[in-house]
Protein backbone atom coordinates (compact mmCIF):
# COMPACT_ATOMS: atom_id res chain seq x y z
CA MET A 1 -5.74 19.78 -30.80
CA ASN A 2 -2.62 21.54 -29.50
CA ARG A 3 0.24 19.12 -29.00
CA ILE A 4 1.88 18.85 -25.59
CA ARG A 5 5.48 20.07 -25.77
CA ILE A 6 8.01 18.19 -23.61
CA PHE A 7 11.49 19.56 -22.98
CA ILE A 8 13.87 16.66 -22.19
CA SER A 9 16.72 18.01 -20.07
CA SER A 10 19.89 16.58 -18.58
CA VAL A 11 23.58 17.40 -18.31
CA GLN A 12 24.53 17.58 -21.98
CA ALA A 13 27.38 15.08 -21.73
CA GLU A 14 25.19 12.57 -19.86
CA PHE A 15 22.30 10.42 -21.10
CA VAL A 16 22.86 11.16 -24.79
CA ASP A 17 21.43 7.80 -25.86
CA GLU A 18 18.59 8.04 -23.35
CA ARG A 19 17.51 11.46 -24.62
CA ARG A 20 17.46 10.26 -28.21
CA LEU A 21 15.55 7.12 -27.28
CA LEU A 22 12.92 9.09 -25.39
CA HIS A 23 12.57 11.59 -28.23
CA GLU A 24 11.96 8.81 -30.74
CA TYR A 25 9.68 6.93 -28.35
CA LEU A 26 7.49 9.92 -27.52
CA SER A 27 7.29 10.86 -31.20
CA THR A 28 6.39 7.44 -32.59
CA ASP A 29 4.47 5.55 -29.88
CA ALA A 30 0.94 4.71 -31.04
CA LEU A 31 -0.63 6.50 -28.05
CA LEU A 32 1.92 9.06 -26.89
CA GLY A 33 2.80 10.14 -30.42
CA GLN A 34 -0.72 11.49 -30.87
CA PHE A 35 -0.28 14.00 -28.06
CA PHE A 36 3.37 14.81 -27.33
CA ASP A 37 5.95 16.92 -29.16
CA PRO A 38 9.38 16.26 -27.55
CA PHE A 39 12.43 18.54 -27.77
CA ILE A 40 16.09 17.59 -27.07
CA PHE A 41 19.47 19.35 -27.31
CA GLU A 42 20.52 17.37 -30.36
CA ASN A 43 17.70 18.82 -32.47
CA LEU A 44 18.69 22.40 -31.73
CA PRO A 45 19.32 24.27 -35.01
CA ALA A 46 22.46 26.37 -35.49
CA GLN A 47 21.71 29.95 -34.45
CA ASP A 48 23.58 33.09 -33.35
CA GLN A 49 22.51 32.58 -29.76
CA ARG A 50 24.09 30.91 -26.79
CA PRO A 51 22.73 27.35 -26.35
CA SER A 52 21.93 28.07 -22.72
CA GLN A 53 19.59 30.90 -23.74
CA LEU A 54 17.87 28.71 -26.32
CA TYR A 55 17.37 26.00 -23.72
CA LEU A 56 15.73 28.50 -21.37
CA GLU A 57 13.45 29.60 -24.19
CA ALA A 58 12.56 25.95 -24.73
CA VAL A 59 11.58 25.71 -21.06
CA GLU A 60 9.38 28.80 -21.44
CA SER A 61 7.53 27.33 -24.40
CA CYS A 62 7.14 23.77 -23.09
CA ASP A 63 4.23 22.25 -21.18
CA ILE A 64 6.29 19.60 -19.41
CA TYR A 65 9.86 19.77 -18.13
CA LEU A 66 11.32 16.24 -18.12
CA GLY A 67 14.60 16.13 -16.20
CA ILE A 68 17.03 13.19 -16.13
CA PHE A 69 19.47 13.54 -13.26
CA GLY A 70 22.56 11.38 -12.80
CA LYS A 71 26.11 11.75 -11.43
CA SER A 72 27.33 14.92 -13.13
CA TYR A 73 26.35 18.50 -12.38
CA GLY A 74 27.61 19.93 -15.66
CA SER A 75 29.48 23.10 -16.56
CA GLU A 76 28.97 26.07 -14.28
CA ASP A 77 28.43 29.74 -15.09
CA ASP A 78 30.00 32.68 -13.28
CA GLU A 79 27.65 32.13 -10.36
CA GLY A 80 28.53 28.45 -10.11
CA ILE A 81 25.18 27.22 -11.45
CA SER A 82 24.82 24.67 -14.24
CA PRO A 83 22.48 25.07 -17.25
CA THR A 84 20.45 22.10 -16.02
CA GLU A 85 19.74 23.77 -12.69
CA ARG A 86 18.92 27.05 -14.46
CA GLU A 87 16.41 25.19 -16.60
CA TYR A 88 14.88 23.44 -13.63
CA ASP A 89 14.59 26.68 -11.65
CA LEU A 90 12.86 28.39 -14.56
CA ALA A 91 10.42 25.50 -14.87
CA VAL A 92 9.61 25.95 -11.17
CA GLN A 93 9.22 29.70 -11.56
CA LEU A 94 6.85 29.27 -14.52
CA HIS A 95 4.87 26.50 -12.75
CA LYS A 96 5.56 23.95 -15.46
CA THR A 97 4.67 20.31 -14.93
CA ARG A 98 7.94 18.69 -13.83
CA LEU A 99 8.78 15.01 -14.26
CA ILE A 100 12.10 14.08 -12.64
CA PHE A 101 13.86 10.75 -13.22
CA LEU A 102 16.89 9.82 -11.11
CA GLN A 103 19.53 7.34 -12.15
CA GLU A 104 20.42 4.96 -9.31
CA ASN A 105 24.05 5.62 -8.43
CA ASP A 106 26.50 5.17 -5.60
CA PRO A 107 26.08 8.44 -3.62
CA ALA A 108 29.86 8.71 -3.35
CA GLN A 109 30.05 9.08 -7.15
CA VAL A 110 27.46 11.86 -7.42
CA HIS A 111 28.69 15.46 -7.66
CA PRO A 112 27.87 17.40 -4.45
CA LYS A 113 25.96 20.08 -6.34
CA GLU A 114 24.00 17.42 -8.21
CA LYS A 115 22.97 15.97 -4.83
CA LEU A 116 21.71 19.40 -3.82
CA LEU A 117 19.77 19.73 -7.07
CA VAL A 118 18.19 16.31 -6.57
CA SER A 119 17.31 17.22 -2.99
CA LYS A 120 15.73 20.48 -4.13
CA ALA A 121 13.67 18.70 -6.77
CA GLY A 122 12.60 16.11 -4.21
CA ARG A 123 11.04 18.77 -2.01
CA GLU A 124 8.93 20.09 -4.87
CA VAL A 125 7.97 17.23 -7.17
CA ILE A 126 7.65 13.46 -7.29
CA ARG A 127 10.81 11.72 -8.46
CA LYS A 128 11.16 8.30 -10.07
CA LYS A 129 14.33 6.21 -9.96
CA PHE A 130 15.65 4.04 -12.78
CA SER A 131 18.63 1.74 -13.25
CA SER A 132 18.29 0.90 -16.94
CA VAL A 133 17.02 2.40 -20.19
CA SER A 134 14.02 0.05 -20.17
CA MET A 135 13.08 1.17 -16.66
CA LEU A 136 13.39 4.82 -17.70
CA LYS A 137 11.21 4.21 -20.75
CA ALA A 138 8.51 2.47 -18.68
CA ALA A 139 8.56 5.21 -16.03
CA VAL A 140 8.24 7.96 -18.63
CA TYR A 141 5.37 6.11 -20.30
CA ALA A 142 3.50 5.79 -16.99
CA ALA A 143 4.07 9.47 -16.18
CA CYS A 144 2.87 10.60 -19.60
CA VAL A 145 -0.27 8.45 -19.50
CA ASN A 146 -1.00 9.80 -16.02
CA TYR A 147 -0.63 13.35 -17.40
CA LEU A 148 -3.07 12.55 -20.23
CA GLN A 149 -5.58 11.09 -17.76
CA THR A 150 -5.40 13.86 -15.17
CA HIS A 151 -5.70 16.55 -17.86
CA GLU A 152 -8.56 14.56 -19.47
CA TYR A 153 -6.93 14.05 -22.85
CA ILE A 154 -7.89 10.41 -22.43
CA ARG A 155 -10.42 8.71 -20.15
CA ILE A 156 -9.70 5.32 -18.59
CA GLY A 157 -11.96 3.81 -15.95
CA PRO A 158 -10.46 3.11 -12.51
CA PHE A 159 -9.02 -0.32 -11.87
CA ASP A 160 -11.63 -1.33 -9.33
CA ALA A 161 -14.51 -0.56 -11.73
CA SER A 162 -13.09 -2.68 -14.57
CA MET A 163 -14.83 -6.00 -15.15
CA HIS A 164 -12.56 -8.97 -14.62
CA PRO A 165 -12.08 -10.89 -17.89
CA SER A 166 -12.43 -14.40 -16.43
CA ALA A 167 -13.91 -14.32 -12.90
CA GLY A 168 -17.61 -14.71 -12.21
CA LEU A 169 -20.16 -14.80 -9.39
CA ALA A 170 -19.02 -18.33 -8.49
CA ASP A 171 -15.70 -16.86 -7.38
CA LEU A 172 -17.39 -14.82 -4.63
CA ASP A 173 -17.81 -16.08 -1.06
CA GLU A 174 -21.48 -16.01 -0.07
CA GLN A 175 -20.62 -16.17 3.63
CA LYS A 176 -18.40 -13.09 3.32
CA VAL A 177 -21.16 -11.24 1.48
CA ASN A 178 -23.63 -12.03 4.28
CA GLY A 179 -21.07 -10.95 6.88
CA PHE A 180 -20.75 -7.65 5.05
CA ILE A 181 -24.52 -7.18 4.98
CA GLU A 182 -24.71 -7.69 8.76
CA LEU A 183 -22.03 -5.07 9.36
CA ALA A 184 -23.42 -2.60 6.82
CA ARG A 185 -26.95 -2.88 8.23
CA ALA A 186 -25.65 -2.22 11.75
CA LYS A 187 -23.27 0.60 10.77
CA ARG A 188 -25.02 2.41 7.90
CA ALA A 189 -28.59 1.03 7.71
CA PHE A 190 -27.79 -0.94 4.54
CA PRO A 191 -31.16 -1.73 2.89
CA LEU A 192 -30.62 -5.32 1.70
CA PRO A 193 -31.30 -8.18 4.15
CA VAL A 194 -28.98 -11.04 5.03
CA GLY A 195 -29.49 -13.85 2.56
CA THR A 196 -29.82 -11.60 -0.48
CA THR A 197 -28.21 -13.25 -3.49
CA CYS A 198 -24.64 -12.33 -4.35
CA GLU A 199 -25.72 -11.08 -7.75
CA THR A 200 -28.29 -8.70 -6.23
CA VAL A 201 -25.81 -7.36 -3.68
CA MET A 202 -23.09 -6.87 -6.30
CA THR A 203 -25.52 -5.13 -8.63
CA HIS A 204 -26.70 -2.85 -5.82
CA LEU A 205 -23.07 -1.91 -5.05
CA ASN A 206 -22.32 -1.35 -8.77
CA LEU A 207 -19.83 -4.23 -8.66
CA ALA A 208 -21.46 -6.46 -11.29
CA THR A 209 -23.34 -6.23 -14.54
CA GLU A 210 -24.91 -8.93 -16.70
CA GLY A 211 -23.27 -11.72 -14.70
CA ARG A 212 -19.79 -10.21 -14.87
CA ILE A 213 -18.06 -8.97 -11.73
CA SER A 214 -15.61 -6.14 -11.21
CA ASN A 215 -12.11 -6.26 -9.80
CA ALA A 216 -13.46 -4.56 -6.68
CA ALA A 217 -15.95 -7.39 -6.11
CA LEU A 218 -13.11 -9.91 -6.06
CA LEU A 219 -11.02 -7.83 -3.68
CA LEU A 220 -13.97 -7.30 -1.33
CA PHE A 221 -15.70 -10.69 -1.38
CA GLY A 222 -13.59 -13.15 -3.37
CA LYS A 223 -12.98 -16.70 -2.16
CA GLN A 224 -9.31 -16.34 -3.14
CA PRO A 225 -8.57 -12.74 -4.16
CA GLN A 226 -4.81 -13.41 -4.47
CA ARG A 227 -5.52 -15.99 -7.16
CA PHE A 228 -6.50 -13.07 -9.39
CA PHE A 229 -4.37 -10.29 -7.86
CA ILE A 230 -1.21 -11.85 -6.49
CA THR A 231 0.12 -8.65 -4.90
CA SER A 232 -3.13 -7.80 -3.10
CA GLU A 233 -1.59 -8.81 0.22
CA ILE A 234 -0.07 -7.05 3.21
CA ARG A 235 3.41 -7.85 4.47
CA CYS A 236 3.92 -7.13 8.16
CA ALA A 237 7.29 -7.04 9.90
CA HIS A 238 8.42 -6.21 13.43
CA PHE A 239 11.96 -4.96 14.07
CA HIS A 240 13.45 -4.44 17.53
CA GLY A 241 15.55 -1.47 16.42
CA THR A 242 15.01 1.56 14.20
CA GLU A 243 16.30 0.09 10.92
CA ILE A 244 15.39 -2.76 8.57
CA VAL A 245 17.72 -5.61 9.44
CA LYS A 246 17.75 -9.34 8.82
CA PRO A 247 16.84 -11.78 10.14
CA ILE A 248 13.44 -10.21 10.79
CA PRO A 249 12.25 -11.11 14.31
CA SER A 250 8.60 -11.36 13.26
CA TYR A 251 7.33 -11.43 9.69
CA GLN A 252 3.93 -12.41 8.29
CA VAL A 253 2.24 -12.13 4.91
CA PHE A 254 -1.54 -11.76 5.14
CA LYS A 255 -3.93 -12.71 2.35
CA GLY A 256 -7.69 -12.65 1.89
CA THR A 257 -10.27 -9.98 1.16
CA VAL A 258 -9.52 -6.33 1.86
CA PHE A 259 -11.51 -6.69 5.10
CA ASP A 260 -9.36 -9.66 6.12
CA LEU A 261 -6.17 -7.76 5.28
CA VAL A 262 -7.11 -4.79 7.45
CA ASP A 263 -8.18 -6.92 10.42
CA GLN A 264 -5.10 -9.16 10.31
CA SER A 265 -2.64 -6.29 9.91
CA VAL A 266 -4.13 -4.14 12.67
CA ASP A 267 -4.12 -7.12 15.04
CA PHE A 268 -0.49 -7.83 14.13
CA VAL A 269 0.50 -4.30 15.18
CA LEU A 270 -1.59 -4.39 18.36
CA SER A 271 -0.03 -7.70 19.38
CA LYS A 272 3.48 -6.17 19.13
CA ILE A 273 3.08 -2.74 20.74
CA ASN A 274 2.94 -1.89 24.42
CA VAL A 275 -0.39 -1.98 26.21
CA ALA A 276 -1.53 -1.10 29.69
CA VAL A 277 -4.08 -3.55 31.09
CA GLY A 278 -5.64 -2.18 34.24
CA THR A 279 -7.53 -3.87 37.04
CA ARG A 280 -11.31 -4.26 37.38
CA ASP A 281 -11.47 -1.75 40.25
CA SER A 282 -13.50 0.67 38.13
CA GLY A 283 -15.69 -1.85 36.31
CA VAL A 284 -16.40 -5.42 35.35
CA THR A 285 -13.89 -5.42 32.50
CA ALA A 286 -10.23 -4.49 32.92
CA PRO A 287 -9.43 -1.35 30.85
CA VAL A 288 -7.00 -1.73 27.95
CA THR A 289 -4.94 1.20 26.66
CA TYR A 290 -2.61 0.64 23.71
CA GLU A 291 0.57 2.66 23.21
CA LEU A 292 -0.62 3.67 19.71
CA PRO A 293 -4.29 4.55 19.18
CA PRO A 294 -5.82 1.46 17.52
CA ALA A 295 -8.16 3.70 15.51
CA ALA A 296 -5.18 5.60 14.04
CA VAL A 297 -3.40 2.36 13.15
CA ALA A 298 -6.57 1.02 11.53
CA GLU A 299 -7.20 4.26 9.62
CA ALA A 300 -3.68 4.29 8.17
CA ILE A 301 -3.95 0.66 7.04
CA VAL A 302 -7.47 1.12 5.66
CA ASN A 303 -6.28 4.14 3.66
CA ALA A 304 -3.44 2.08 2.21
CA VAL A 305 -5.84 -0.69 1.16
CA ALA A 306 -8.47 1.67 -0.27
CA HIS A 307 -6.07 3.99 -2.12
CA ARG A 308 -3.28 1.70 -3.30
CA ASP A 309 -2.41 1.11 -6.94
CA TYR A 310 -3.53 -2.48 -7.57
CA THR A 311 -1.85 -2.53 -10.97
CA CYS A 312 1.54 -2.12 -9.26
CA LEU A 313 3.70 -5.19 -8.63
CA GLY A 314 4.41 -4.06 -5.05
CA SER A 315 2.45 -4.93 -1.93
CA ILE A 316 1.43 -2.91 1.10
CA GLN A 317 4.05 -3.12 3.85
CA VAL A 318 3.42 -2.55 7.55
CA MET A 319 6.67 -2.22 9.50
CA LEU A 320 6.90 -1.71 13.24
CA PHE A 321 10.17 -0.33 14.61
CA SER A 322 11.16 0.53 18.16
CA ASN A 323 10.36 4.22 17.58
CA ARG A 324 7.71 4.24 14.82
CA LEU A 325 5.16 2.44 12.71
CA GLU A 326 5.42 2.76 8.92
CA ILE A 327 2.71 1.84 6.40
CA TRP A 328 3.97 1.75 2.80
CA ASN A 329 1.38 1.94 0.06
CA PRO A 330 2.25 1.26 -3.61
CA GLY A 331 0.43 4.27 -4.93
CA ARG A 332 0.59 8.02 -5.14
CA LEU A 333 -1.59 10.94 -4.21
CA PRO A 334 -4.36 11.77 -6.70
CA PHE A 335 -3.80 14.74 -8.97
CA GLY A 336 -4.44 17.98 -7.09
CA LEU A 337 -3.95 16.49 -3.62
CA THR A 338 -0.72 17.43 -1.84
CA ILE A 339 0.99 16.46 1.39
CA ALA A 340 0.09 19.86 2.82
CA LYS A 341 -3.60 19.30 2.09
CA LEU A 342 -3.55 16.02 4.01
CA HIS A 343 -3.05 18.02 7.21
CA ARG A 344 -6.41 19.75 6.87
CA ALA A 345 -9.93 18.93 5.72
CA HIS A 346 -9.88 18.05 2.03
CA GLN A 347 -12.04 16.56 -0.66
CA SER A 348 -12.12 12.77 -0.77
CA ILE A 349 -10.52 11.51 -3.98
CA PRO A 350 -10.44 7.70 -3.60
CA ALA A 351 -8.18 5.96 -6.08
CA ASN A 352 -10.59 3.01 -5.97
CA PRO A 353 -14.07 4.50 -5.40
CA LEU A 354 -16.00 1.23 -5.80
CA LEU A 355 -13.66 -0.41 -3.29
CA ALA A 356 -13.94 2.45 -0.81
CA GLU A 357 -17.74 2.63 -0.71
CA PRO A 358 -18.36 -0.90 0.74
CA MET A 359 -15.54 -0.30 3.24
CA TYR A 360 -17.41 2.82 4.34
CA LEU A 361 -20.70 0.90 4.55
CA ALA A 362 -19.05 -1.77 6.73
CA GLY A 363 -17.66 0.87 9.10
CA TYR A 364 -14.01 0.50 8.10
CA ILE A 365 -14.00 4.09 6.84
CA GLU A 366 -15.83 6.53 9.08
CA ARG A 367 -16.14 9.63 6.90
CA LEU A 368 -14.72 10.04 3.43
CA GLY A 369 -11.96 12.65 3.25
CA THR A 370 -11.19 12.82 6.98
CA GLY A 371 -8.87 9.84 7.38
CA THR A 372 -5.52 11.65 7.58
CA GLY A 373 -7.03 14.32 9.82
CA ASP A 374 -8.32 11.62 12.16
CA ILE A 375 -4.87 10.01 12.32
CA ILE A 376 -3.31 13.36 13.27
CA ARG A 377 -5.98 14.09 15.89
CA LEU A 378 -5.81 10.64 17.48
CA CYS A 379 -2.03 10.78 17.75
CA ARG A 380 -2.16 14.24 19.33
CA GLU A 381 -4.76 13.07 21.85
CA ALA A 382 -2.48 10.16 22.76
CA GLY A 383 0.44 12.55 23.37
CA LEU A 384 2.38 11.34 20.35
CA LYS A 385 4.47 13.33 17.90
CA GLU A 386 2.50 14.39 14.83
CA PRO A 387 2.47 11.64 12.19
CA GLU A 388 4.17 12.15 8.83
CA PHE A 389 2.92 11.62 5.29
CA ILE A 390 5.61 11.08 2.68
CA GLN A 391 5.33 10.63 -1.10
CA GLU A 392 8.35 8.96 -2.69
CA GLU A 393 8.32 5.79 -4.77
CA ASP A 394 5.46 4.73 -2.51
CA PHE A 395 3.14 6.70 -0.28
CA LYS A 396 4.20 6.31 3.34
CA VAL A 397 2.52 7.07 6.67
CA VAL A 398 4.73 7.26 9.76
CA ILE A 399 3.12 7.05 13.20
CA TRP A 400 5.64 7.78 15.93
CA ARG A 401 5.83 5.81 19.15
CA LYS A 402 6.58 7.60 22.43
CA GLU A 403 10.20 8.59 22.90
CA LEU A 404 11.80 6.90 25.89
CA SER A 405 14.86 8.25 27.64
CA THR A 406 16.34 4.85 28.46
CA PRO A 407 15.71 1.27 27.35
CA GLN A 408 14.65 0.47 30.93
CA ALA A 409 11.85 3.02 30.61
CA THR A 410 10.02 0.90 28.05
CA PRO A 411 6.71 -0.20 29.59
CA GLN A 412 5.87 -3.87 29.48
CA ALA A 413 2.91 -4.85 27.34
CA THR A 414 1.92 -7.04 30.29
CA PRO A 415 3.63 -7.16 33.68
CA GLN A 416 6.32 -9.78 34.12
CA ALA A 417 5.07 -13.12 35.43
CA THR A 418 6.29 -16.69 35.14
CA LEU A 419 4.88 -20.10 34.58
CA GLN A 420 6.58 -23.24 35.79
CA ALA A 421 10.39 -23.43 35.68
CA GLY A 422 10.70 -19.65 35.42
CA GLU A 423 9.18 -19.50 31.91
CA LEU A 424 8.02 -15.97 31.11
CA VAL A 425 4.37 -15.55 30.16
CA PRO A 426 4.09 -14.51 26.48
CA GLU A 427 2.47 -11.09 26.14
CA PRO A 428 -0.67 -12.23 24.25
CA ILE A 429 -1.39 -14.81 26.97
CA GLY A 430 -0.89 -12.27 29.73
CA ARG A 431 -3.29 -9.85 28.05
CA LEU A 432 -5.96 -12.51 27.66
CA ILE A 433 -5.59 -13.68 31.28
CA LEU A 434 -6.06 -10.15 32.60
CA ILE A 435 -9.12 -9.56 30.43
CA LEU A 436 -10.92 -12.86 31.07
CA SER A 437 -13.59 -12.49 33.76
CA GLY A 438 -16.01 -15.30 34.58
CA GLU A 439 -17.25 -17.04 31.45
CA MET A 440 -16.86 -15.06 28.25
CA LYS A 441 -17.49 -15.68 24.56
CA ARG A 442 -14.57 -15.47 22.16
CA ALA A 443 -16.05 -12.44 20.39
CA ASP A 444 -16.40 -10.58 23.70
CA ILE A 445 -12.78 -11.25 24.62
CA GLN A 446 -11.67 -9.99 21.20
CA ASP A 447 -13.76 -6.84 21.64
CA CYS A 448 -12.15 -6.15 25.02
CA LEU A 449 -8.71 -6.38 23.42
CA GLY A 450 -9.74 -4.35 20.35
CA LEU A 451 -8.91 -7.24 18.00
CA LYS A 452 -10.93 -8.11 14.89
CA ASP A 453 -9.35 -11.06 13.15
CA ARG A 454 -10.73 -14.32 14.54
CA LYS A 455 -8.06 -16.60 13.07
CA ASN A 456 -5.12 -14.64 14.46
CA PHE A 457 -6.78 -14.21 17.84
CA ILE A 458 -7.27 -17.96 18.18
CA SER A 459 -3.73 -18.84 17.07
CA LEU A 460 -1.90 -16.10 19.04
CA TYR A 461 -4.03 -15.74 22.16
CA MET A 462 -6.60 -18.47 22.74
CA GLU A 463 -4.91 -21.70 21.68
CA PRO A 464 -1.61 -21.01 23.53
CA SER A 465 -3.57 -20.12 26.70
CA ILE A 466 -5.54 -23.37 26.51
CA GLU A 467 -2.41 -25.43 25.77
CA ALA A 468 -0.70 -23.85 28.80
CA GLY A 469 -3.58 -24.99 31.00
CA LEU A 470 -4.59 -21.43 31.87
CA VAL A 471 -7.93 -21.27 30.02
CA GLU A 472 -10.57 -23.91 29.41
CA MET A 473 -13.78 -24.26 27.40
CA VAL A 474 -17.13 -24.49 29.14
CA PHE A 475 -18.06 -27.20 26.60
CA PRO A 476 -14.72 -28.94 25.92
CA GLU A 477 -16.34 -31.96 24.25
CA ARG A 478 -18.07 -29.63 21.73
CA PRO A 479 -15.55 -26.96 20.70
CA THR A 480 -17.92 -25.38 18.14
CA HIS A 481 -20.90 -25.20 20.51
CA GLN A 482 -22.99 -22.10 19.66
CA ASP A 483 -22.89 -21.01 23.32
CA GLN A 484 -19.21 -21.81 23.81
CA ARG A 485 -17.52 -19.73 26.47
CA TYR A 486 -14.07 -19.62 28.03
CA ARG A 487 -12.95 -19.30 31.64
CA LEU A 488 -9.77 -19.39 33.67
CA THR A 489 -8.55 -22.63 35.20
CA ASP A 490 -7.24 -22.67 38.78
CA LYS A 491 -3.77 -22.23 37.32
CA GLY A 492 -5.01 -19.28 35.27
CA ILE A 493 -6.63 -17.68 38.32
CA ARG A 494 -3.35 -17.90 40.25
CA LEU A 495 -1.47 -16.34 37.35
CA LYS A 496 -4.04 -13.56 37.05
CA LYS A 497 -3.63 -12.67 40.73
CA GLN A 498 0.13 -12.58 40.24
CA LEU A 499 -0.24 -10.25 37.22
CA GLU A 500 -2.72 -7.94 38.97
CA GLU A 501 -0.49 -7.75 42.05
CA THR A 502 2.41 -6.70 39.84
CA ILE A 503 0.24 -3.97 38.30
CA ARG A 504 -0.76 -2.61 41.72
CA LYS A 505 2.88 -2.36 42.83
CA ARG A 506 3.84 -0.18 39.85
């Protein structure tokens, strides 16, 4: 087997200890030492050639260019270009695999030309930051193992397919499994009937074998998935401006199965963005139009859940700003898939294939491989700026909100109305009041508002409306009645007329 030659490059006066450590580590590690042959400046033999020429020859002969960039730019030749940049440019020209590691520094201390080099590298390859030798070592290890996997030197099964060492069928929620079967039968003609044993369903989905269950089974149907995977949560935050500032006006951490996470996070976003609730002039139900396409929001969050790196210590973050929505996913694009390819039809390469398939069966993923294209199309149809896909430390999706010329131009999620003593009606209550017509079931009200998560709907919309005396149950003495419906009180009817009159005057 031919060994993989790595050229470790940096400004010669910088990272001397780091280069030596990496050389020794790559040469002696039990796994990496079997495959990699590292080269550093210090091992250069004395020859009648300029060092810069020898370094360029090393780039030509290497398989991987490993660059460590810090504060210094290094000595410059007659054209004002350092040897490090020459080496990097040659690696680009020869299409070498490039691994770039950036030392975290105060930008004011970084040489201007080094900033330009870092920026150039950032446009072409994935960079990884480090603040200590141990972090650099760990990052290099991860990058090298990824190289071995993607080039099939080693084969390691995906995280979701691995059998959990301690969990069993008793850790799965039978009710959630039956709920999945109902959805999958309705959406994709799933063959198994409701009531099928958990073991049979898991075996059918390739999520269990001989009584053992996979990581994917726990994430999809576990009673307490975060007990086994503490970072399998979604953190949602709403900021009034365009930057991350504290204190955060609205912040929630959602837990549960991957289905729960998607439903809760999408509903969080929908409850914070602007929405136009029309009148019932054109039908029985008042039309609801959200500022951001709910399907695009859902697709971006589903993609983050299905493709994230569950071995990473980070969590998915959903952040809503005044001008954009950002979904941060602790993961990276699969080998061979680029940002450019996301803008057109491409092959589906799910990072967690056994996790993605049940999400497809339940209708959370419409067609494999079309998610990013659907987000782009939906945003265009809504008159929004084209969304952005960014690969940095995390993979990030940016969905832009409509640009408004003045703060006064911001549309209200619901028209302004007041309760007693001039108290403004909270937006979720106003939306529910406008939607409610006659006697309606909770599920029907949720459907009208495009909301999926039952728990959040009850706590944010239904309970406050009942407590305010605007909505009442048809069977108040039996809250869990199977035919329970909700209707407006006299107070709610008066408020609804006030809201609808405000809409007509717009």
